[in-house]
Amino acid sequence: MHRVSQLNDLGPDLFEVEVEREGLVYQPADCTLLIHKDGINSRPYIFSSHPDQDHLSFFFRRISGGFSDWLASLRPGDQLGVGTPFGNFHPRGENEVWLATGTGLAPFLSVLRSHTNQGPLECWYGVRTRKEACFLDFLKSKTSLKVFFSRETPQNPYERQGRLSQFFGELPVGIDLEYYLCGQGEMIREGNRRLVSKGVPADKLHGESFY
């Protein structure tokens, strides 16, 4: 079990929990099972921390009646089980286009939290409202950022109004680019379809669904 060090309230039902690392070894954007103190209930989450950091963190949305309800109730000193890391969704952070909806931002935070850009890196981030848009200053400092609000009017040059998927026709295409999509399954399927139709090889597309 890992001791909770803090729980950060980031927006409406949006949190990031930090726990002591206890020597756990993992790769950026790995997934793991978070385990209830009862040792029975568990759910997969992607690390939002980077292995260079001295703690583990997980970015999540609280859903009433679900496992995340318990996560959001944790306080410093509580215990959280963390399983063996796994996964094959591993952005490198250069010559890539990232597409995330909601807490699908987690794996990209994991990469960026110890990262120096070596090549083009574009991040498209889709949320409903401004209050749900987390880590914007950090993302702007590390990527070429575009934020898509489905329920709000843009206020900055890097913001657009509408669902992220409405703008897939504007995605950049290049022979050296890789595409990483994380979030709702529908967004990933539509993104893959549109990119393939633009001539992007299937082996350049990488997806991780969040529910």
C-alpha atoms as a PDB file:
ATOM      1  CA  MET A   1       0.000   0.000   0.000  1.00  0.00           C
ATOM      2  CA  HIS A   2       1.095   3.574  -0.713  1.00  0.00           C
ATOM      3  CA  ARG A   3       0.531   6.486   1.635  1.00  0.00           C
ATOM      4  CA  VAL A   4      -1.508   9.379   0.231  1.00  0.00           C
ATOM      5  CA  SER A   5       0.430  12.652   0.438  1.00  0.00           C
ATOM      6  CA  GLN A   6      -2.208  14.998  -0.997  1.00  0.00           C
ATOM      7  CA  LEU A   7      -5.380  15.278  -3.034  1.00  0.00           C
ATOM      8  CA  ASN A   8      -5.593  18.275  -5.377  1.00  0.00           C
ATOM      9  CA  ASP A   9      -9.051  19.615  -6.248  1.00  0.00           C
ATOM     10  CA  LEU A  10      -8.683  20.864  -9.846  1.00  0.00           C
ATOM     11  CA  GLY A  11     -12.244  21.623 -10.936  1.00  0.00           C
ATOM     12  CA  PRO A  12     -15.790  20.261 -10.927  1.00  0.00           C
ATOM     13  CA  ASP A  13     -15.305  16.629  -9.865  1.00  0.00           C
ATOM     14  CA  LEU A  14     -11.699  16.697 -11.168  1.00  0.00           C
ATOM     15  CA  PHE A  15      -8.834  15.648  -8.895  1.00  0.00           C
ATOM     16  CA  GLU A  16      -5.233  14.554  -8.881  1.00  0.00           C
ATOM     17  CA  VAL A  17      -4.170  12.259  -6.068  1.00  0.00           C
ATOM     18  CA  GLU A  18      -0.508  12.029  -5.071  1.00  0.00           C
ATOM     19  CA  VAL A  19       0.933   9.075  -3.175  1.00  0.00           C
ATOM     20  CA  GLU A  20       4.376   8.138  -1.948  1.00  0.00           C
ATOM     21  CA  ARG A  21       6.352   6.258  -4.563  1.00  0.00           C
ATOM     22  CA  GLU A  22       7.739   3.424  -2.415  1.00  0.00           C
ATOM     23  CA  GLY A  23      10.348   2.620  -5.077  1.00  0.00           C
ATOM     24  CA  LEU A  24       7.828   1.704  -7.782  1.00  0.00           C
ATOM     25  CA  VAL A  25       9.390   1.481 -11.273  1.00  0.00           C
ATOM     26  CA  TYR A  26       7.310   2.481 -14.305  1.00  0.00           C
ATOM     27  CA  GLN A  27       7.480   4.187 -17.692  1.00  0.00           C
ATOM     28  CA  PRO A  28       5.854   7.523 -18.594  1.00  0.00           C
ATOM     29  CA  ALA A  29       2.167   7.024 -19.467  1.00  0.00           C
ATOM     30  CA  ASP A  30       2.047   3.499 -18.047  1.00  0.00           C
ATOM     31  CA  CYS A  31      -1.213   2.192 -16.635  1.00  0.00           C
ATOM     32  CA  THR A  32      -1.761   0.461 -13.296  1.00  0.00           C
ATOM     33  CA  LEU A  33      -4.541  -0.825 -11.079  1.00  0.00           C
ATOM     34  CA  LEU A  34      -5.436   1.395  -8.145  1.00  0.00           C
ATOM     35  CA  ILE A  35      -6.689  -0.820  -5.351  1.00  0.00           C
ATOM     36  CA  HIS A  36      -9.201  -0.028  -2.607  1.00  0.00           C
ATOM     37  CA  LYS A  37      -8.089  -0.445   0.986  1.00  0.00           C
ATOM     38  CA  ASP A  38     -10.382  -3.485   1.146  1.00  0.00           C
ATOM     39  CA  GLY A  39      -7.961  -5.203  -1.248  1.00  0.00           C
ATOM     40  CA  ILE A  40     -10.832  -6.280  -3.507  1.00  0.00           C
ATOM     41  CA  ASN A  41     -12.129  -3.362  -5.542  1.00  0.00           C
ATOM     42  CA  SER A  42      -9.818  -1.859  -8.135  1.00  0.00           C
ATOM     43  CA  ARG A  43      -9.791   0.169 -11.347  1.00  0.00           C
ATOM     44  CA  PRO A  44      -7.138   0.926 -13.999  1.00  0.00           C
ATOM     45  CA  TYR A  45      -5.664   4.435 -14.167  1.00  0.00           C
ATOM     46  CA  ILE A  46      -2.796   5.979 -16.121  1.00  0.00           C
ATOM     47  CA  PHE A  47       0.044   7.672 -14.254  1.00  0.00           C
ATOM     48  CA  SER A  48       0.018  11.464 -14.578  1.00  0.00           C
ATOM     49  CA  SER A  49       3.395  11.679 -12.843  1.00  0.00           C
ATOM     50  CA  HIS A  50       6.778  11.086 -14.495  1.00  0.00           C
ATOM     51  CA  PRO A  51       9.277   8.474 -13.236  1.00  0.00           C
ATOM     52  CA  ASP A  52      11.756  11.278 -12.480  1.00  0.00           C
ATOM     53  CA  GLN A  53       9.415  12.559  -9.776  1.00  0.00           C
ATOM     54  CA  ASP A  54       9.589  11.301  -6.195  1.00  0.00           C
ATOM     55  CA  HIS A  55       5.851  10.628  -5.957  1.00  0.00           C
ATOM     56  CA  LEU A  56       3.093   8.960  -8.009  1.00  0.00           C
ATOM     57  CA  SER A  57       0.062  10.883  -9.217  1.00  0.00           C
ATOM     58  CA  PHE A  58      -3.224  10.055 -10.950  1.00  0.00           C
ATOM     59  CA  PHE A  59      -5.609  12.509 -12.641  1.00  0.00           C
ATOM     60  CA  PHE A  60      -9.259  11.447 -12.454  1.00  0.00           C
ATOM     61  CA  ARG A  61     -12.885  12.518 -12.608  1.00  0.00           C
ATOM     62  CA  ARG A  62     -15.210  11.632  -9.737  1.00  0.00           C
ATOM     63  CA  ILE A  63     -18.257   9.677 -10.884  1.00  0.00           C
ATOM     64  CA  SER A  64     -20.980   9.288  -8.277  1.00  0.00           C
ATOM     65  CA  GLY A  65     -21.243   5.756  -6.950  1.00  0.00           C
ATOM     66  CA  GLY A  66     -18.048   4.570  -8.613  1.00  0.00           C
ATOM     67  CA  PHE A  67     -14.514   3.733  -7.502  1.00  0.00           C
ATOM     68  CA  SER A  68     -13.535   7.352  -8.122  1.00  0.00           C
ATOM     69  CA  ASP A  69     -15.963   8.455  -5.406  1.00  0.00           C
ATOM     70  CA  TRP A  70     -13.744   6.682  -2.900  1.00  0.00           C
ATOM     71  CA  LEU A  71     -10.570   8.098  -4.481  1.00  0.00           C
ATOM     72  CA  ALA A  72     -11.936  11.617  -4.081  1.00  0.00           C
ATOM     73  CA  SER A  73     -12.528  10.970  -0.372  1.00  0.00           C
ATOM     74  CA  LEU A  74      -8.883  10.140   0.344  1.00  0.00           C
ATOM     75  CA  ARG A  75      -6.914  12.356   2.684  1.00  0.00           C
ATOM     76  CA  PRO A  76      -3.193  12.628   3.551  1.00  0.00           C
ATOM     77  CA  GLY A  77      -2.124   9.566   5.492  1.00  0.00           C
ATOM     78  CA  ASP A  78      -4.721   7.247   3.942  1.00  0.00           C
ATOM     79  CA  GLN A  79      -3.603   4.129   2.105  1.00  0.00           C
ATOM     80  CA  LEU A  80      -3.993   3.374  -1.608  1.00  0.00           C
ATOM     81  CA  GLY A  81      -2.927   0.184  -3.336  1.00  0.00           C
ATOM     82  CA  VAL A  82      -0.957   0.535  -6.586  1.00  0.00           C
ATOM     83  CA  GLY A  83      -0.535  -2.519  -8.796  1.00  0.00           C
ATOM     84  CA  THR A  84       2.191  -3.553 -11.240  1.00  0.00           C
ATOM     85  CA  PRO A  85       2.553  -0.996 -14.078  1.00  0.00           C
ATOM     86  CA  PHE A  86       1.654  -2.093 -17.606  1.00  0.00           C
ATOM     87  CA  GLY A  87       0.698  -0.688 -20.997  1.00  0.00           C
ATOM     88  CA  ASN A  88       1.856  -0.003 -24.538  1.00  0.00           C
ATOM     89  CA  PHE A  89       0.699   3.608 -24.956  1.00  0.00           C
ATOM     90  CA  HIS A  90       3.961   5.516 -24.690  1.00  0.00           C
ATOM     91  CA  PRO A  91       4.247   8.948 -26.321  1.00  0.00           C
ATOM     92  CA  ARG A  92       7.838  10.194 -26.599  1.00  0.00           C
ATOM     93  CA  GLY A  93       7.016  13.892 -26.774  1.00  0.00           C
ATOM     94  CA  GLU A  94       8.571  14.863 -30.116  1.00  0.00           C
ATOM     95  CA  ASN A  95       7.292  14.887 -33.701  1.00  0.00           C
ATOM     96  CA  GLU A  96       3.869  13.981 -32.339  1.00  0.00           C
ATOM     97  CA  VAL A  97       0.280  15.196 -32.281  1.00  0.00           C
ATOM     98  CA  TRP A  98      -1.633  14.510 -29.074  1.00  0.00           C
ATOM     99  CA  LEU A  99      -5.426  14.479 -28.824  1.00  0.00           C
ATOM    100  CA  ALA A 100      -7.055  14.250 -25.402  1.00  0.00           C
ATOM    101  CA  THR A 101     -10.541  14.640 -23.999  1.00  0.00           C
ATOM    102  CA  GLY A 102     -11.147  15.157 -20.285  1.00  0.00           C
ATOM    103  CA  THR A 103      -8.894  13.110 -18.027  1.00  0.00           C
ATOM    104  CA  GLY A 104      -7.419  11.492 -21.139  1.00  0.00           C
ATOM    105  CA  LEU A 105      -4.802  14.186 -20.611  1.00  0.00           C
ATOM    106  CA  ALA A 106      -3.134  12.015 -17.927  1.00  0.00           C
ATOM    107  CA  PRO A 107      -0.562  10.141 -20.068  1.00  0.00           C
ATOM    108  CA  PHE A 108       0.554  13.362 -21.720  1.00  0.00           C
ATOM    109  CA  LEU A 109       1.100  15.006 -18.333  1.00  0.00           C
ATOM    110  CA  SER A 110       3.223  11.990 -17.434  1.00  0.00           C
ATOM    111  CA  VAL A 111       5.489  12.601 -20.418  1.00  0.00           C
ATOM    112  CA  LEU A 112       5.636  16.386 -20.082  1.00  0.00           C
ATOM    113  CA  ARG A 113       6.532  16.487 -16.397  1.00  0.00           C
ATOM    114  CA  SER A 114      10.150  15.699 -17.200  1.00  0.00           C
ATOM    115  CA  HIS A 115      10.514  16.677 -20.810  1.00  0.00           C
ATOM    116  CA  THR A 116      12.548  18.944 -23.076  1.00  0.00           C
ATOM    117  CA  ASN A 117      11.068  19.289 -26.548  1.00  0.00           C
ATOM    118  CA  GLN A 118      13.272  17.854 -29.276  1.00  0.00           C
ATOM    119  CA  GLY A 119      10.819  18.311 -32.131  1.00  0.00           C
ATOM    120  CA  PRO A 120       7.295  19.490 -33.027  1.00  0.00           C
ATOM    121  CA  LEU A 121       4.701  18.666 -30.393  1.00  0.00           C
ATOM    122  CA  GLU A 122       1.058  19.661 -30.817  1.00  0.00           C
ATOM    123  CA  CYS A 123      -1.587  19.044 -28.146  1.00  0.00           C
ATOM    124  CA  TRP A 124      -5.334  19.204 -28.827  1.00  0.00           C
ATOM    125  CA  TYR A 125      -7.390  19.160 -25.615  1.00  0.00           C
ATOM    126  CA  GLY A 126     -11.184  18.867 -25.606  1.00  0.00           C
ATOM    127  CA  VAL A 127     -13.363  19.740 -22.587  1.00  0.00           C
ATOM    128  CA  ARG A 128     -16.884  20.974 -21.991  1.00  0.00           C
ATOM    129  CA  THR A 129     -16.246  24.132 -19.946  1.00  0.00           C
ATOM    130  CA  ARG A 130     -13.393  26.372 -18.878  1.00  0.00           C
ATOM    131  CA  LYS A 131     -13.621  25.091 -15.305  1.00  0.00           C
ATOM    132  CA  GLU A 132     -12.815  21.598 -16.616  1.00  0.00           C
ATOM    133  CA  ALA A 133      -9.693  22.742 -18.495  1.00  0.00           C
ATOM    134  CA  CYS A 134      -6.807  21.765 -16.226  1.00  0.00           C
ATOM    135  CA  PHE A 135      -3.068  22.482 -16.453  1.00  0.00           C
ATOM    136  CA  LEU A 136      -3.406  25.035 -19.287  1.00  0.00           C
ATOM    137  CA  ASP A 137      -0.407  27.183 -18.321  1.00  0.00           C
ATOM    138  CA  PHE A 138       1.762  24.084 -18.043  1.00  0.00           C
ATOM    139  CA  LEU A 139       0.564  22.733 -21.400  1.00  0.00           C
ATOM    140  CA  LYS A 140       1.159  26.085 -23.109  1.00  0.00           C
ATOM    141  CA  SER A 141       4.729  26.135 -21.819  1.00  0.00           C
ATOM    142  CA  LYS A 142       5.485  22.671 -23.192  1.00  0.00           C
ATOM    143  CA  THR A 143       3.407  22.228 -26.366  1.00  0.00           C
ATOM    144  CA  SER A 144       1.692  23.979 -29.232  1.00  0.00           C
ATOM    145  CA  LEU A 145      -1.709  23.905 -27.537  1.00  0.00           C
ATOM    146  CA  LYS A 146      -5.268  24.071 -28.867  1.00  0.00           C
ATOM    147  CA  VAL A 147      -8.208  23.855 -26.467  1.00  0.00           C
ATOM    148  CA  PHE A 148     -11.726  23.012 -27.634  1.00  0.00           C
ATOM    149  CA  PHE A 149     -14.728  24.025 -25.489  1.00  0.00           C
ATOM    150  CA  SER A 150     -18.006  22.341 -26.401  1.00  0.00           C
ATOM    151  CA  ARG A 151     -20.069  24.592 -24.085  1.00  0.00           C
ATOM    152  CA  GLU A 152     -18.152  27.872 -23.845  1.00  0.00           C
ATOM    153  CA  THR A 153     -17.010  30.778 -25.992  1.00  0.00           C
ATOM    154  CA  PRO A 154     -13.246  31.037 -26.705  1.00  0.00           C
ATOM    155  CA  GLN A 155     -11.350  33.865 -24.998  1.00  0.00           C
ATOM    156  CA  ASN A 156      -7.787  33.233 -26.236  1.00  0.00           C
ATOM    157  CA  PRO A 157      -6.157  32.686 -29.642  1.00  0.00           C
ATOM    158  CA  TYR A 158      -5.430  29.017 -28.910  1.00  0.00           C
ATOM    159  CA  GLU A 159      -9.083  28.257 -28.033  1.00  0.00           C
ATOM    160  CA  ARG A 160     -11.909  27.072 -30.301  1.00  0.00           C
ATOM    161  CA  GLN A 161     -15.614  26.495 -29.740  1.00  0.00           C
ATOM    162  CA  GLY A 162     -16.975  23.037 -30.503  1.00  0.00           C
ATOM    163  CA  ARG A 163     -16.160  19.417 -29.908  1.00  0.00           C
ATOM    164  CA  LEU A 164     -12.591  18.416 -30.623  1.00  0.00           C
ATOM    165  CA  SER A 165     -13.791  15.920 -33.231  1.00  0.00           C
ATOM    166  CA  GLN A 166     -15.407  18.714 -35.268  1.00  0.00           C
ATOM    167  CA  PHE A 167     -11.923  19.969 -36.181  1.00  0.00           C
ATOM    168  CA  PHE A 168     -10.258  16.715 -37.221  1.00  0.00           C
ATOM    169  CA  GLY A 169     -10.148  17.980 -40.795  1.00  0.00           C
ATOM    170  CA  GLU A 170      -7.577  20.557 -39.632  1.00  0.00           C
ATOM    171  CA  LEU A 171      -5.177  18.033 -38.102  1.00  0.00           C
ATOM    172  CA  PRO A 172      -1.619  18.414 -39.386  1.00  0.00           C
ATOM    173  CA  VAL A 173      -0.273  15.579 -41.509  1.00  0.00           C
ATOM    174  CA  GLY A 174       3.413  14.790 -41.942  1.00  0.00           C
ATOM    175  CA  ILE A 175       5.460  11.738 -42.827  1.00  0.00           C
ATOM    176  CA  ASP A 176       7.438  12.032 -39.576  1.00  0.00           C
ATOM    177  CA  LEU A 177       4.467  12.579 -37.262  1.00  0.00           C
ATOM    178  CA  GLU A 178       2.980  10.065 -34.825  1.00  0.00           C
ATOM    179  CA  TYR A 179      -0.527  10.511 -33.409  1.00  0.00           C
ATOM    180  CA  TYR A 180      -1.564   9.659 -29.850  1.00  0.00           C
ATOM    181  CA  LEU A 181      -5.254   9.788 -28.903  1.00  0.00           C
ATOM    182  CA  CYS A 182      -6.543   9.336 -25.366  1.00  0.00           C
ATOM    183  CA  GLY A 183     -10.070   9.808 -24.082  1.00  0.00           C
ATOM    184  CA  GLN A 184     -13.524   8.735 -25.171  1.00  0.00           C
ATOM    185  CA  GLY A 185     -13.613   5.739 -27.483  1.00  0.00           C
ATOM    186  CA  GLU A 186     -15.818   7.552 -29.988  1.00  0.00           C
ATOM    187  CA  MET A 187     -13.263  10.362 -30.317  1.00  0.00           C
ATOM    188  CA  ILE A 188     -10.454   7.869 -30.881  1.00  0.00           C
ATOM    189  CA  ARG A 189     -12.360   5.915 -33.524  1.00  0.00           C
ATOM    190  CA  GLU A 190     -13.347   9.065 -35.413  1.00  0.00           C
ATOM    191  CA  GLY A 191      -9.818  10.486 -35.136  1.00  0.00           C
ATOM    192  CA  ASN A 192      -8.306   7.300 -36.509  1.00  0.00           C
ATOM    193  CA  ARG A 193     -10.816   7.205 -39.351  1.00  0.00           C
ATOM    194  CA  ARG A 194     -10.161  10.803 -40.369  1.00  0.00           C
ATOM    195  CA  LEU A 195      -6.389  10.455 -40.151  1.00  0.00           C
ATOM    196  CA  VAL A 196      -6.364   7.283 -42.242  1.00  0.00           C
ATOM    197  CA  SER A 197      -8.532   9.072 -44.820  1.00  0.00           C
ATOM    198  CA  LYS A 198      -5.852  11.803 -44.937  1.00  0.00           C
ATOM    199  CA  GLY A 199      -3.225   9.181 -45.779  1.00  0.00           C
ATOM    200  CA  VAL A 200      -1.723   8.568 -42.326  1.00  0.00           C
ATOM    201  CA  PRO A 201      -0.503   4.936 -42.014  1.00  0.00           C
ATOM    202  CA  ALA A 202      -2.292   2.916 -39.338  1.00  0.00           C
ATOM    203  CA  ASP A 203       0.999   2.152 -37.572  1.00  0.00           C
ATOM    204  CA  LYS A 204       1.376   5.895 -36.851  1.00  0.00           C
ATOM    205  CA  LEU A 205      -1.855   5.904 -34.820  1.00  0.00           C
ATOM    206  CA  HIS A 206      -1.966   5.037 -31.109  1.00  0.00           C
ATOM    207  CA  GLY A 207      -5.092   5.066 -28.952  1.00  0.00           C
ATOM    208  CA  GLU A 208      -6.021   4.597 -25.308  1.00  0.00           C
ATOM    209  CA  SER A 209      -9.699   4.693 -24.309  1.00  0.00           C
ATOM    210  CA  PHE A 210     -10.984   6.274 -21.099  1.00  0.00           C
ATOM    211  CA  TYR A 211     -14.485   5.551 -19.844  1.00  0.00           C
END
